[in-house]
N, C-alpha and C. Protein backbone atom coordinates (compact mmCIF):
# COMPACT_ATOMS: atom_id res chain seq x y z
N MET A 1 0.85 -1.18 0.00
CA MET A 1 0.00 0.00 0.00
C MET A 1 0.89 1.24 0.00
N LYS A 2 0.62 2.17 -0.92
CA LYS A 2 1.44 3.38 -1.03
C LYS A 2 0.77 4.55 -0.31
N ASN A 3 0.01 5.34 -1.04
CA ASN A 3 -0.57 6.54 -0.43
C ASN A 3 -1.84 6.25 0.35
N GLY A 4 -2.58 5.19 -0.04
CA GLY A 4 -3.80 4.86 0.67
C GLY A 4 -4.98 4.68 -0.27
N TYR A 5 -6.16 4.56 0.34
CA TYR A 5 -7.38 4.28 -0.41
C TYR A 5 -8.57 5.02 0.18
N ILE A 6 -9.54 5.25 -0.67
CA ILE A 6 -10.88 5.62 -0.23
C ILE A 6 -11.67 4.33 -0.07
N ILE A 7 -12.29 4.15 1.09
CA ILE A 7 -13.10 2.97 1.34
C ILE A 7 -14.56 3.38 1.33
N THR A 8 -15.30 2.85 0.39
CA THR A 8 -16.71 3.17 0.27
C THR A 8 -17.50 1.87 0.16
N GLY A 9 -18.83 2.00 0.17
CA GLY A 9 -19.67 0.81 0.11
C GLY A 9 -20.78 0.97 -0.89
N THR A 10 -21.40 -0.15 -1.22
CA THR A 10 -22.53 -0.12 -2.14
C THR A 10 -23.80 0.33 -1.43
N ASP A 11 -23.75 0.45 -0.10
CA ASP A 11 -24.91 0.84 0.69
C ASP A 11 -24.40 1.19 2.09
N THR A 12 -25.30 1.64 2.95
CA THR A 12 -24.92 1.90 4.33
C THR A 12 -24.91 0.60 5.13
N ASP A 13 -24.16 0.60 6.22
CA ASP A 13 -24.06 -0.57 7.10
C ASP A 13 -23.55 -1.82 6.38
N ILE A 14 -22.67 -1.63 5.43
CA ILE A 14 -22.06 -2.75 4.71
C ILE A 14 -21.05 -3.48 5.60
N GLY A 15 -20.32 -2.70 6.39
CA GLY A 15 -19.23 -3.25 7.18
C GLY A 15 -17.90 -2.62 6.84
N LYS A 16 -17.94 -1.47 6.16
CA LYS A 16 -16.69 -0.85 5.72
C LYS A 16 -15.87 -0.31 6.89
N THR A 17 -16.52 0.03 8.01
CA THR A 17 -15.77 0.49 9.18
C THR A 17 -14.90 -0.64 9.73
N VAL A 18 -15.47 -1.83 9.82
CA VAL A 18 -14.70 -2.99 10.28
C VAL A 18 -13.59 -3.31 9.28
N PHE A 19 -13.91 -3.22 8.00
CA PHE A 19 -12.90 -3.46 6.96
C PHE A 19 -11.76 -2.46 7.08
N ALA A 20 -12.09 -1.20 7.31
CA ALA A 20 -11.06 -0.17 7.47
C ALA A 20 -10.18 -0.47 8.67
N ALA A 21 -10.80 -0.92 9.77
CA ALA A 21 -10.02 -1.26 10.96
C ALA A 21 -9.05 -2.40 10.66
N MET A 22 -9.51 -3.37 9.89
CA MET A 22 -8.66 -4.49 9.52
C MET A 22 -7.46 -4.02 8.71
N LEU A 23 -7.68 -3.13 7.74
CA LEU A 23 -6.58 -2.63 6.92
C LEU A 23 -5.62 -1.76 7.74
N MET A 24 -6.14 -1.01 8.69
CA MET A 24 -5.27 -0.22 9.56
C MET A 24 -4.24 -1.10 10.25
N LEU A 25 -4.73 -2.22 10.77
CA LEU A 25 -3.84 -3.14 11.48
C LEU A 25 -2.86 -3.82 10.53
N ALA A 26 -3.33 -4.13 9.34
CA ALA A 26 -2.48 -4.87 8.38
C ALA A 26 -1.37 -4.00 7.80
N PHE A 27 -1.63 -2.68 7.67
CA PHE A 27 -0.68 -1.82 6.95
C PHE A 27 -0.21 -0.61 7.75
N ASP A 28 -0.47 -0.61 9.06
CA ASP A 28 -0.01 0.49 9.91
C ASP A 28 -0.48 1.83 9.33
N ALA A 29 -1.74 1.87 8.97
CA ALA A 29 -2.29 3.02 8.25
C ALA A 29 -2.85 4.09 9.19
N ILE A 30 -3.23 5.21 8.59
CA ILE A 30 -3.90 6.31 9.28
C ILE A 30 -5.36 6.30 8.83
N TYR A 31 -6.26 6.65 9.74
CA TYR A 31 -7.70 6.62 9.44
C TYR A 31 -8.28 8.02 9.47
N TRP A 32 -9.18 8.26 8.49
CA TRP A 32 -9.89 9.55 8.46
C TRP A 32 -11.30 9.33 7.93
N LYS A 33 -12.29 9.74 8.71
CA LYS A 33 -13.67 9.79 8.23
C LYS A 33 -14.12 11.24 8.29
N PRO A 34 -14.11 11.94 7.16
CA PRO A 34 -14.35 13.38 7.17
C PRO A 34 -15.77 13.77 7.57
N LEU A 35 -16.76 12.92 7.27
CA LEU A 35 -18.16 13.24 7.54
C LEU A 35 -18.76 12.15 8.43
N GLN A 36 -19.12 12.53 9.64
CA GLN A 36 -19.72 11.59 10.58
C GLN A 36 -21.14 12.03 10.89
N SER A 37 -22.10 11.22 10.50
CA SER A 37 -23.50 11.48 10.81
C SER A 37 -23.98 10.44 11.82
N GLY A 38 -24.48 10.92 12.95
CA GLY A 38 -24.93 10.03 14.01
C GLY A 38 -23.89 9.90 15.10
N THR A 39 -24.25 10.35 16.30
CA THR A 39 -23.28 10.36 17.40
C THR A 39 -23.80 9.65 18.64
N GLU A 40 -24.97 9.02 18.56
CA GLU A 40 -25.57 8.43 19.76
C GLU A 40 -24.66 7.38 20.39
N ASN A 41 -24.03 6.54 19.57
CA ASN A 41 -23.15 5.49 20.07
C ASN A 41 -21.68 5.80 19.79
N GLY A 42 -21.37 7.08 19.66
CA GLY A 42 -20.02 7.45 19.25
C GLY A 42 -19.89 7.34 17.74
N GLY A 43 -18.82 7.85 17.20
CA GLY A 43 -18.63 7.81 15.76
C GLY A 43 -17.81 6.63 15.31
N ASP A 44 -17.63 6.54 13.98
CA ASP A 44 -16.85 5.44 13.42
C ASP A 44 -15.37 5.54 13.78
N ARG A 45 -14.88 6.76 13.94
CA ARG A 45 -13.47 6.90 14.36
C ARG A 45 -13.25 6.24 15.72
N GLN A 46 -14.17 6.47 16.64
CA GLN A 46 -14.05 5.86 17.97
C GLN A 46 -14.19 4.34 17.88
N ALA A 47 -15.09 3.88 16.99
CA ALA A 47 -15.27 2.44 16.82
C ALA A 47 -13.99 1.78 16.29
N VAL A 48 -13.37 2.41 15.30
CA VAL A 48 -12.13 1.86 14.74
C VAL A 48 -11.01 1.88 15.78
N GLN A 49 -10.97 2.93 16.57
CA GLN A 49 -9.93 3.00 17.59
C GLN A 49 -10.12 1.91 18.64
N ARG A 50 -11.38 1.63 19.00
CA ARG A 50 -11.64 0.55 19.96
C ARG A 50 -11.26 -0.81 19.36
N LEU A 51 -11.60 -1.02 18.10
CA LEU A 51 -11.33 -2.31 17.47
C LEU A 51 -9.84 -2.56 17.30
N THR A 52 -9.10 -1.53 16.98
CA THR A 52 -7.68 -1.70 16.68
C THR A 52 -6.80 -1.54 17.91
N GLY A 53 -7.26 -0.75 18.89
CA GLY A 53 -6.42 -0.45 20.04
C GLY A 53 -5.28 0.49 19.71
N LEU A 54 -5.36 1.15 18.56
CA LEU A 54 -4.29 2.05 18.14
C LEU A 54 -4.44 3.42 18.80
N PRO A 55 -3.34 4.15 18.96
CA PRO A 55 -3.41 5.45 19.65
C PRO A 55 -4.11 6.52 18.81
N ALA A 56 -4.50 7.58 19.48
CA ALA A 56 -5.23 8.67 18.81
C ALA A 56 -4.41 9.31 17.70
N SER A 57 -3.09 9.21 17.78
CA SER A 57 -2.23 9.80 16.75
C SER A 57 -2.42 9.15 15.38
N ARG A 58 -3.05 7.98 15.34
CA ARG A 58 -3.28 7.29 14.07
C ARG A 58 -4.60 7.70 13.41
N PHE A 59 -5.28 8.68 14.00
CA PHE A 59 -6.61 9.06 13.53
C PHE A 59 -6.68 10.57 13.32
N HIS A 60 -7.12 10.96 12.13
CA HIS A 60 -7.39 12.37 11.88
C HIS A 60 -8.81 12.70 12.34
N PRO A 61 -9.02 13.88 12.90
CA PRO A 61 -10.37 14.26 13.33
C PRO A 61 -11.30 14.49 12.15
N GLU A 62 -12.57 14.31 12.38
CA GLU A 62 -13.57 14.55 11.35
C GLU A 62 -13.59 16.03 10.96
N ARG A 63 -13.96 16.29 9.73
CA ARG A 63 -14.17 17.69 9.31
C ARG A 63 -15.53 18.18 9.78
N TYR A 64 -16.54 17.31 9.73
CA TYR A 64 -17.88 17.65 10.20
C TYR A 64 -18.45 16.46 10.98
N ILE A 65 -19.13 16.77 12.08
CA ILE A 65 -19.83 15.77 12.87
C ILE A 65 -21.27 16.24 13.09
N PHE A 66 -22.23 15.37 12.83
CA PHE A 66 -23.64 15.70 12.98
C PHE A 66 -24.33 14.71 13.90
N MET A 67 -25.36 15.17 14.57
CA MET A 67 -26.01 14.35 15.58
C MET A 67 -26.87 13.23 14.99
N GLN A 68 -27.61 13.54 13.92
CA GLN A 68 -28.58 12.58 13.41
C GLN A 68 -27.94 11.60 12.43
N PRO A 69 -28.33 10.31 12.48
CA PRO A 69 -27.78 9.31 11.55
C PRO A 69 -28.48 9.37 10.20
N LEU A 70 -28.23 10.47 9.49
CA LEU A 70 -28.86 10.73 8.20
C LEU A 70 -27.78 11.07 7.18
N SER A 71 -28.20 11.20 5.93
CA SER A 71 -27.29 11.70 4.91
C SER A 71 -26.70 13.02 5.38
N PRO A 72 -25.39 13.24 5.14
CA PRO A 72 -24.76 14.46 5.66
C PRO A 72 -25.49 15.75 5.31
N HIS A 73 -26.01 15.84 4.09
CA HIS A 73 -26.66 17.09 3.71
C HIS A 73 -27.85 17.39 4.61
N ARG A 74 -28.63 16.36 4.96
CA ARG A 74 -29.81 16.57 5.79
C ARG A 74 -29.45 16.69 7.26
N ALA A 75 -28.48 15.88 7.70
CA ALA A 75 -28.04 15.98 9.09
C ALA A 75 -27.47 17.36 9.37
N ALA A 76 -26.76 17.92 8.41
CA ALA A 76 -26.21 19.26 8.57
C ALA A 76 -27.32 20.30 8.67
N GLU A 77 -28.32 20.18 7.83
CA GLU A 77 -29.43 21.13 7.88
C GLU A 77 -30.14 21.10 9.23
N ILE A 78 -30.34 19.91 9.77
CA ILE A 78 -31.02 19.79 11.07
C ILE A 78 -30.17 20.42 12.17
N ASP A 79 -28.85 20.28 12.07
CA ASP A 79 -27.95 20.86 13.07
C ASP A 79 -27.67 22.34 12.82
N GLY A 80 -28.20 22.87 11.72
CA GLY A 80 -27.98 24.28 11.42
C GLY A 80 -26.57 24.59 10.96
N VAL A 81 -25.95 23.62 10.28
CA VAL A 81 -24.58 23.77 9.80
C VAL A 81 -24.57 23.79 8.28
N GLU A 82 -23.76 24.66 7.71
CA GLU A 82 -23.58 24.68 6.26
C GLU A 82 -22.25 24.02 5.92
N ILE A 83 -22.31 22.93 5.17
CA ILE A 83 -21.09 22.21 4.80
C ILE A 83 -20.41 22.94 3.64
N ASP A 84 -19.15 23.21 3.81
CA ASP A 84 -18.32 23.76 2.74
C ASP A 84 -17.55 22.60 2.11
N ALA A 85 -18.05 22.10 0.99
CA ALA A 85 -17.43 20.92 0.37
C ALA A 85 -15.98 21.18 -0.02
N ASP A 86 -15.66 22.42 -0.38
CA ASP A 86 -14.29 22.75 -0.79
C ASP A 86 -13.31 22.68 0.37
N SER A 87 -13.83 22.73 1.58
CA SER A 87 -12.95 22.71 2.76
C SER A 87 -12.60 21.29 3.19
N ILE A 88 -13.21 20.28 2.57
CA ILE A 88 -12.94 18.90 2.94
C ILE A 88 -11.76 18.42 2.11
N VAL A 89 -10.58 18.67 2.63
CA VAL A 89 -9.33 18.43 1.91
C VAL A 89 -8.59 17.27 2.56
N VAL A 90 -8.03 16.40 1.75
CA VAL A 90 -7.29 15.25 2.26
C VAL A 90 -6.10 15.73 3.08
N PRO A 91 -6.01 15.28 4.33
CA PRO A 91 -4.89 15.71 5.17
C PRO A 91 -3.59 15.01 4.80
N GLU A 92 -2.48 15.64 5.16
CA GLU A 92 -1.19 14.98 4.97
C GLU A 92 -1.04 13.85 5.98
N ALA A 93 -0.43 12.77 5.55
CA ALA A 93 -0.24 11.62 6.43
C ALA A 93 1.13 11.01 6.19
N HIS A 94 1.80 10.60 7.27
CA HIS A 94 3.13 10.02 7.14
C HIS A 94 3.07 8.51 6.90
N SER A 95 1.85 7.97 6.90
CA SER A 95 1.62 6.56 6.59
C SER A 95 0.47 6.49 5.60
N PRO A 96 0.22 5.32 5.01
CA PRO A 96 -0.93 5.22 4.10
C PRO A 96 -2.22 5.69 4.78
N LEU A 97 -3.01 6.42 4.04
CA LEU A 97 -4.24 7.01 4.58
C LEU A 97 -5.46 6.24 4.09
N LEU A 98 -6.31 5.84 5.02
CA LEU A 98 -7.58 5.20 4.69
C LEU A 98 -8.70 6.19 4.97
N ILE A 99 -9.41 6.57 3.92
CA ILE A 99 -10.51 7.52 4.05
C ILE A 99 -11.82 6.74 3.95
N GLU A 100 -12.61 6.76 5.00
CA GLU A 100 -13.90 6.07 4.97
C GLU A 100 -15.01 7.05 4.60
N GLY A 101 -15.74 6.71 3.56
CA GLY A 101 -16.86 7.53 3.16
C GLY A 101 -18.07 7.31 4.05
N ALA A 102 -19.07 8.15 3.85
CA ALA A 102 -20.33 8.06 4.60
C ALA A 102 -21.37 7.40 3.71
N GLY A 103 -21.69 6.14 4.00
CA GLY A 103 -22.68 5.44 3.18
C GLY A 103 -22.13 5.13 1.80
N GLY A 104 -22.99 5.26 0.79
CA GLY A 104 -22.61 4.91 -0.57
C GLY A 104 -22.15 6.09 -1.40
N LEU A 105 -21.90 5.83 -2.67
CA LEU A 105 -21.30 6.83 -3.55
C LEU A 105 -22.19 8.04 -3.79
N MET A 106 -23.49 7.82 -3.91
CA MET A 106 -24.39 8.89 -4.30
C MET A 106 -25.04 9.60 -3.11
N VAL A 107 -24.46 9.43 -1.94
CA VAL A 107 -24.95 10.14 -0.76
C VAL A 107 -24.68 11.64 -0.94
N PRO A 108 -25.71 12.49 -0.76
CA PRO A 108 -25.49 13.93 -0.88
C PRO A 108 -24.69 14.48 0.30
N VAL A 109 -23.66 15.24 -0.02
CA VAL A 109 -22.89 15.94 1.00
C VAL A 109 -23.51 17.31 1.26
N THR A 110 -23.92 17.97 0.18
CA THR A 110 -24.70 19.20 0.24
C THR A 110 -25.82 19.07 -0.78
N ARG A 111 -26.56 20.13 -0.97
CA ARG A 111 -27.60 20.12 -2.00
C ARG A 111 -27.00 20.25 -3.40
N GLN A 112 -25.69 20.48 -3.47
CA GLN A 112 -25.02 20.62 -4.77
C GLN A 112 -23.96 19.55 -5.02
N HIS A 113 -23.54 18.83 -3.99
CA HIS A 113 -22.42 17.89 -4.14
C HIS A 113 -22.79 16.51 -3.62
N LEU A 114 -22.44 15.51 -4.41
CA LEU A 114 -22.54 14.12 -3.96
C LEU A 114 -21.19 13.68 -3.43
N GLN A 115 -21.20 12.62 -2.64
CA GLN A 115 -19.95 12.14 -2.08
C GLN A 115 -18.97 11.72 -3.18
N ILE A 116 -19.48 11.16 -4.26
CA ILE A 116 -18.61 10.73 -5.35
C ILE A 116 -17.87 11.91 -5.97
N ASP A 117 -18.44 13.11 -5.86
CA ASP A 117 -17.76 14.31 -6.35
C ASP A 117 -16.50 14.59 -5.52
N LEU A 118 -16.59 14.36 -4.21
CA LEU A 118 -15.41 14.52 -3.36
C LEU A 118 -14.37 13.47 -3.70
N PHE A 119 -14.82 12.23 -3.93
CA PHE A 119 -13.88 11.16 -4.27
C PHE A 119 -13.09 11.51 -5.53
N LYS A 120 -13.76 12.08 -6.50
CA LYS A 120 -13.09 12.47 -7.74
C LYS A 120 -12.00 13.49 -7.45
N ARG A 121 -12.30 14.45 -6.59
CA ARG A 121 -11.36 15.51 -6.28
C ARG A 121 -10.17 14.99 -5.47
N TRP A 122 -10.39 14.00 -4.62
CA TRP A 122 -9.33 13.53 -3.72
C TRP A 122 -8.26 12.72 -4.45
N ASP A 123 -8.60 12.17 -5.59
CA ASP A 123 -7.59 11.54 -6.45
C ASP A 123 -6.86 10.39 -5.76
N LEU A 124 -7.63 9.51 -5.12
CA LEU A 124 -7.10 8.27 -4.57
C LEU A 124 -7.92 7.11 -5.11
N PRO A 125 -7.33 5.94 -5.26
CA PRO A 125 -8.11 4.79 -5.73
C PRO A 125 -9.13 4.36 -4.67
N VAL A 126 -10.19 3.75 -5.16
CA VAL A 126 -11.31 3.35 -4.31
C VAL A 126 -11.30 1.84 -4.10
N ILE A 127 -11.57 1.43 -2.87
CA ILE A 127 -11.92 0.04 -2.57
C ILE A 127 -13.41 0.03 -2.28
N LEU A 128 -14.14 -0.78 -3.03
CA LEU A 128 -15.59 -0.86 -2.90
C LEU A 128 -15.95 -2.06 -2.04
N CYS A 129 -16.60 -1.81 -0.91
CA CYS A 129 -17.07 -2.88 -0.03
C CYS A 129 -18.48 -3.26 -0.45
N SER A 130 -18.69 -4.56 -0.66
CA SER A 130 -19.97 -5.06 -1.17
C SER A 130 -20.47 -6.21 -0.31
N ARG A 131 -21.78 -6.30 -0.21
CA ARG A 131 -22.38 -7.45 0.46
C ARG A 131 -22.20 -8.68 -0.42
N THR A 132 -22.39 -9.83 0.18
CA THR A 132 -22.42 -11.07 -0.59
C THR A 132 -23.85 -11.53 -0.85
N ALA A 133 -24.81 -10.89 -0.20
CA ALA A 133 -26.20 -11.38 -0.20
C ALA A 133 -26.96 -10.95 -1.45
N LEU A 134 -28.21 -11.37 -1.51
CA LEU A 134 -29.10 -11.04 -2.63
C LEU A 134 -29.16 -9.52 -2.87
N GLY A 135 -29.05 -9.12 -4.12
CA GLY A 135 -29.07 -7.71 -4.50
C GLY A 135 -27.70 -7.12 -4.74
N THR A 136 -26.66 -7.85 -4.33
CA THR A 136 -25.32 -7.27 -4.44
C THR A 136 -24.85 -7.14 -5.87
N ILE A 137 -25.29 -7.99 -6.77
CA ILE A 137 -24.83 -7.88 -8.16
C ILE A 137 -25.25 -6.54 -8.75
N ASN A 138 -26.51 -6.21 -8.60
CA ASN A 138 -27.02 -4.94 -9.13
C ASN A 138 -26.33 -3.75 -8.47
N HIS A 139 -26.28 -3.74 -7.13
CA HIS A 139 -25.71 -2.60 -6.41
C HIS A 139 -24.23 -2.42 -6.73
N THR A 140 -23.51 -3.52 -6.81
CA THR A 140 -22.07 -3.43 -7.04
C THR A 140 -21.77 -2.97 -8.46
N LEU A 141 -22.44 -3.54 -9.45
CA LEU A 141 -22.18 -3.15 -10.83
C LEU A 141 -22.58 -1.70 -11.09
N LEU A 142 -23.66 -1.25 -10.48
CA LEU A 142 -24.05 0.16 -10.63
C LEU A 142 -23.01 1.08 -10.00
N SER A 143 -22.48 0.69 -8.85
CA SER A 143 -21.46 1.51 -8.19
C SER A 143 -20.20 1.59 -9.04
N ILE A 144 -19.78 0.47 -9.60
CA ILE A 144 -18.59 0.46 -10.44
C ILE A 144 -18.81 1.31 -11.69
N GLU A 145 -20.00 1.23 -12.27
CA GLU A 145 -20.31 2.04 -13.45
C GLU A 145 -20.22 3.53 -13.12
N ALA A 146 -20.73 3.93 -11.95
CA ALA A 146 -20.68 5.33 -11.55
C ALA A 146 -19.24 5.80 -11.36
N LEU A 147 -18.41 4.97 -10.76
CA LEU A 147 -17.01 5.34 -10.57
C LEU A 147 -16.28 5.46 -11.91
N ARG A 148 -16.51 4.51 -12.79
CA ARG A 148 -15.84 4.54 -14.09
C ARG A 148 -16.29 5.72 -14.94
N LYS A 149 -17.55 6.08 -14.83
CA LYS A 149 -18.07 7.22 -15.59
C LYS A 149 -17.32 8.50 -15.24
N ARG A 150 -16.83 8.58 -14.00
CA ARG A 150 -16.11 9.77 -13.53
C ARG A 150 -14.59 9.56 -13.54
N ASP A 151 -14.14 8.46 -14.14
CA ASP A 151 -12.71 8.16 -14.22
C ASP A 151 -12.04 8.09 -12.85
N ILE A 152 -12.77 7.53 -11.88
CA ILE A 152 -12.22 7.31 -10.55
C ILE A 152 -11.67 5.88 -10.52
N PRO A 153 -10.40 5.71 -10.23
CA PRO A 153 -9.82 4.36 -10.27
C PRO A 153 -10.39 3.46 -9.18
N VAL A 154 -10.75 2.24 -9.57
CA VAL A 154 -11.28 1.25 -8.63
C VAL A 154 -10.17 0.23 -8.39
N HIS A 155 -9.63 0.23 -7.20
CA HIS A 155 -8.53 -0.70 -6.90
C HIS A 155 -9.04 -2.13 -6.81
N GLY A 156 -10.22 -2.31 -6.25
CA GLY A 156 -10.75 -3.65 -6.11
C GLY A 156 -12.03 -3.67 -5.28
N ILE A 157 -12.61 -4.85 -5.21
CA ILE A 157 -13.84 -5.07 -4.44
C ILE A 157 -13.51 -5.96 -3.25
N ALA A 158 -13.99 -5.57 -2.09
CA ALA A 158 -13.88 -6.40 -0.89
C ALA A 158 -15.29 -6.82 -0.50
N PHE A 159 -15.54 -8.11 -0.51
CA PHE A 159 -16.85 -8.61 -0.12
C PHE A 159 -16.90 -8.81 1.39
N ILE A 160 -18.09 -8.58 1.94
CA ILE A 160 -18.27 -8.71 3.39
C ILE A 160 -19.53 -9.52 3.64
N GLY A 161 -19.37 -10.63 4.36
CA GLY A 161 -20.52 -11.47 4.67
C GLY A 161 -20.25 -12.93 4.40
N PRO A 162 -21.29 -13.76 4.47
CA PRO A 162 -21.14 -15.20 4.23
C PRO A 162 -20.71 -15.46 2.78
N ASP A 163 -20.06 -16.58 2.57
CA ASP A 163 -19.57 -16.91 1.24
C ASP A 163 -20.75 -17.10 0.28
N ASN A 164 -20.62 -16.53 -0.91
CA ASN A 164 -21.62 -16.68 -1.96
C ASN A 164 -20.85 -16.72 -3.28
N PRO A 165 -20.28 -17.87 -3.61
CA PRO A 165 -19.34 -17.95 -4.72
C PRO A 165 -19.89 -17.46 -6.05
N ASP A 166 -21.17 -17.74 -6.34
CA ASP A 166 -21.67 -17.34 -7.65
C ASP A 166 -21.86 -15.83 -7.75
N ASN A 167 -22.34 -15.18 -6.68
CA ASN A 167 -22.44 -13.73 -6.70
C ASN A 167 -21.07 -13.10 -6.92
N ILE A 168 -20.07 -13.60 -6.21
CA ILE A 168 -18.71 -13.06 -6.34
C ILE A 168 -18.17 -13.29 -7.75
N ARG A 169 -18.37 -14.49 -8.27
CA ARG A 169 -17.89 -14.80 -9.62
C ARG A 169 -18.59 -13.92 -10.66
N THR A 170 -19.90 -13.78 -10.53
CA THR A 170 -20.66 -13.00 -11.52
C THR A 170 -20.22 -11.55 -11.54
N ILE A 171 -20.02 -10.97 -10.36
CA ILE A 171 -19.56 -9.58 -10.29
C ILE A 171 -18.17 -9.44 -10.89
N ALA A 172 -17.31 -10.39 -10.59
CA ALA A 172 -15.95 -10.34 -11.14
C ALA A 172 -15.98 -10.41 -12.67
N GLU A 173 -16.80 -11.29 -13.22
CA GLU A 173 -16.86 -11.47 -14.67
C GLU A 173 -17.44 -10.25 -15.37
N TYR A 174 -18.50 -9.69 -14.82
CA TYR A 174 -19.13 -8.54 -15.48
C TYR A 174 -18.33 -7.26 -15.31
N SER A 175 -17.70 -7.09 -14.16
CA SER A 175 -17.02 -5.83 -13.87
C SER A 175 -15.58 -5.81 -14.35
N GLY A 176 -14.92 -6.95 -14.32
CA GLY A 176 -13.49 -6.98 -14.61
C GLY A 176 -12.64 -6.36 -13.53
N VAL A 177 -13.23 -6.12 -12.36
CA VAL A 177 -12.50 -5.51 -11.25
C VAL A 177 -11.90 -6.61 -10.39
N SER A 178 -10.72 -6.35 -9.83
CA SER A 178 -10.06 -7.33 -8.98
C SER A 178 -10.88 -7.59 -7.71
N ILE A 179 -10.97 -8.84 -7.34
CA ILE A 179 -11.61 -9.22 -6.09
C ILE A 179 -10.51 -9.36 -5.05
N LEU A 180 -10.54 -8.52 -4.04
CA LEU A 180 -9.48 -8.48 -3.03
C LEU A 180 -9.62 -9.59 -2.00
N GLY A 181 -10.84 -10.04 -1.78
CA GLY A 181 -11.08 -11.06 -0.78
C GLY A 181 -12.46 -10.89 -0.16
N ARG A 182 -12.72 -11.68 0.86
CA ARG A 182 -14.02 -11.62 1.55
C ARG A 182 -13.79 -11.64 3.05
N LEU A 183 -14.35 -10.65 3.71
CA LEU A 183 -14.31 -10.57 5.16
C LEU A 183 -15.57 -11.23 5.71
N PRO A 184 -15.45 -12.37 6.36
CA PRO A 184 -16.65 -13.03 6.90
C PRO A 184 -17.12 -12.32 8.16
N HIS A 185 -18.36 -12.60 8.56
CA HIS A 185 -18.83 -12.09 9.85
C HIS A 185 -18.03 -12.75 10.96
N LEU A 186 -17.54 -11.95 11.88
CA LEU A 186 -16.71 -12.45 12.96
C LEU A 186 -17.49 -12.43 14.26
N GLU A 187 -17.48 -13.55 14.98
CA GLU A 187 -18.21 -13.62 16.24
C GLU A 187 -17.63 -12.65 17.26
N THR A 188 -16.33 -12.50 17.25
CA THR A 188 -15.65 -11.57 18.15
C THR A 188 -14.90 -10.55 17.32
N LEU A 189 -15.13 -9.29 17.63
CA LEU A 189 -14.45 -8.22 16.90
C LEU A 189 -13.41 -7.58 17.82
N ASN A 190 -12.16 -7.79 17.50
CA ASN A 190 -11.07 -7.14 18.21
C ASN A 190 -9.85 -7.17 17.30
N ALA A 191 -8.76 -6.63 17.79
CA ALA A 191 -7.56 -6.53 16.95
C ALA A 191 -7.07 -7.90 16.50
N GLU A 192 -7.09 -8.86 17.40
CA GLU A 192 -6.58 -10.18 17.05
C GLU A 192 -7.45 -10.87 15.99
N SER A 193 -8.77 -10.79 16.14
CA SER A 193 -9.65 -11.43 15.16
C SER A 193 -9.55 -10.76 13.81
N LEU A 194 -9.33 -9.44 13.79
CA LEU A 194 -9.19 -8.73 12.52
C LEU A 194 -7.86 -9.08 11.84
N LYS A 195 -6.80 -9.18 12.62
CA LYS A 195 -5.51 -9.58 12.04
C LYS A 195 -5.61 -10.99 11.45
N ARG A 196 -6.28 -11.87 12.16
CA ARG A 196 -6.44 -13.24 11.68
C ARG A 196 -7.30 -13.29 10.42
N ALA A 197 -8.36 -12.49 10.40
CA ALA A 197 -9.25 -12.46 9.23
C ALA A 197 -8.50 -11.99 7.99
N PHE A 198 -7.64 -10.99 8.17
CA PHE A 198 -6.87 -10.51 7.02
C PHE A 198 -5.92 -11.60 6.53
N ALA A 199 -5.21 -12.23 7.44
CA ALA A 199 -4.24 -13.26 7.07
C ALA A 199 -4.90 -14.44 6.37
N GLU A 200 -6.13 -14.78 6.75
CA GLU A 200 -6.80 -15.95 6.20
C GLU A 200 -7.58 -15.66 4.92
N ASN A 201 -7.91 -14.40 4.66
CA ASN A 201 -8.83 -14.10 3.56
C ASN A 201 -8.32 -13.09 2.54
N PHE A 202 -7.15 -12.51 2.77
CA PHE A 202 -6.62 -11.48 1.87
C PHE A 202 -5.13 -11.71 1.64
N ASP A 203 -4.63 -11.12 0.57
CA ASP A 203 -3.21 -11.21 0.22
C ASP A 203 -2.62 -9.81 0.23
N ARG A 204 -1.58 -9.59 1.01
CA ARG A 204 -0.98 -8.26 1.13
C ARG A 204 -0.57 -7.68 -0.23
N GLN A 205 -0.14 -8.56 -1.12
CA GLN A 205 0.33 -8.09 -2.42
C GLN A 205 -0.79 -7.46 -3.25
N ASP A 206 -2.04 -7.76 -2.93
CA ASP A 206 -3.16 -7.18 -3.69
C ASP A 206 -3.42 -5.74 -3.32
N PHE A 207 -2.74 -5.25 -2.30
CA PHE A 207 -2.96 -3.88 -1.85
C PHE A 207 -1.75 -3.00 -2.16
């Protein structure tokens, strides 16, 4: 891994936060989630820090934090905040940087900007986290089409969930995108289980 990746998903609650935590441990990376919507149970930065046990120095602070677990554009309006999309600039990092998006590609950041517009500007390759379950073929291929339409490089797809060989094969054949591996559901989530999951299901050379 060189400069890092944008980690996004085909939908919300895919498991990209856990995936990001796993990559942090595997590559001694830095984590940044610029837009955090929903604070009732803490944010994703706090969740990744708990999962990895890494110090606060490995985490960049959010650019915006909103109380409601909604699309950033709406959560900001409810909180009375105006998001300046131009101010969301990739921070400098002395290690590979993992940027976790909020939900999927077409999530509105403002009434004028979609999240995919920020991804285009940030100029980092994308890792797309996809479910293995029913519906993933459509959602994944549409997401890849949207990224390609904007000339955003797709480094690969990481599947999350129970094994579904035909869904994975079909997406690989239609998309031509590299399959990085599959993160299964883990009964226990901690640094050791994430390190083991990476070693058993992914190849460092693919990153």
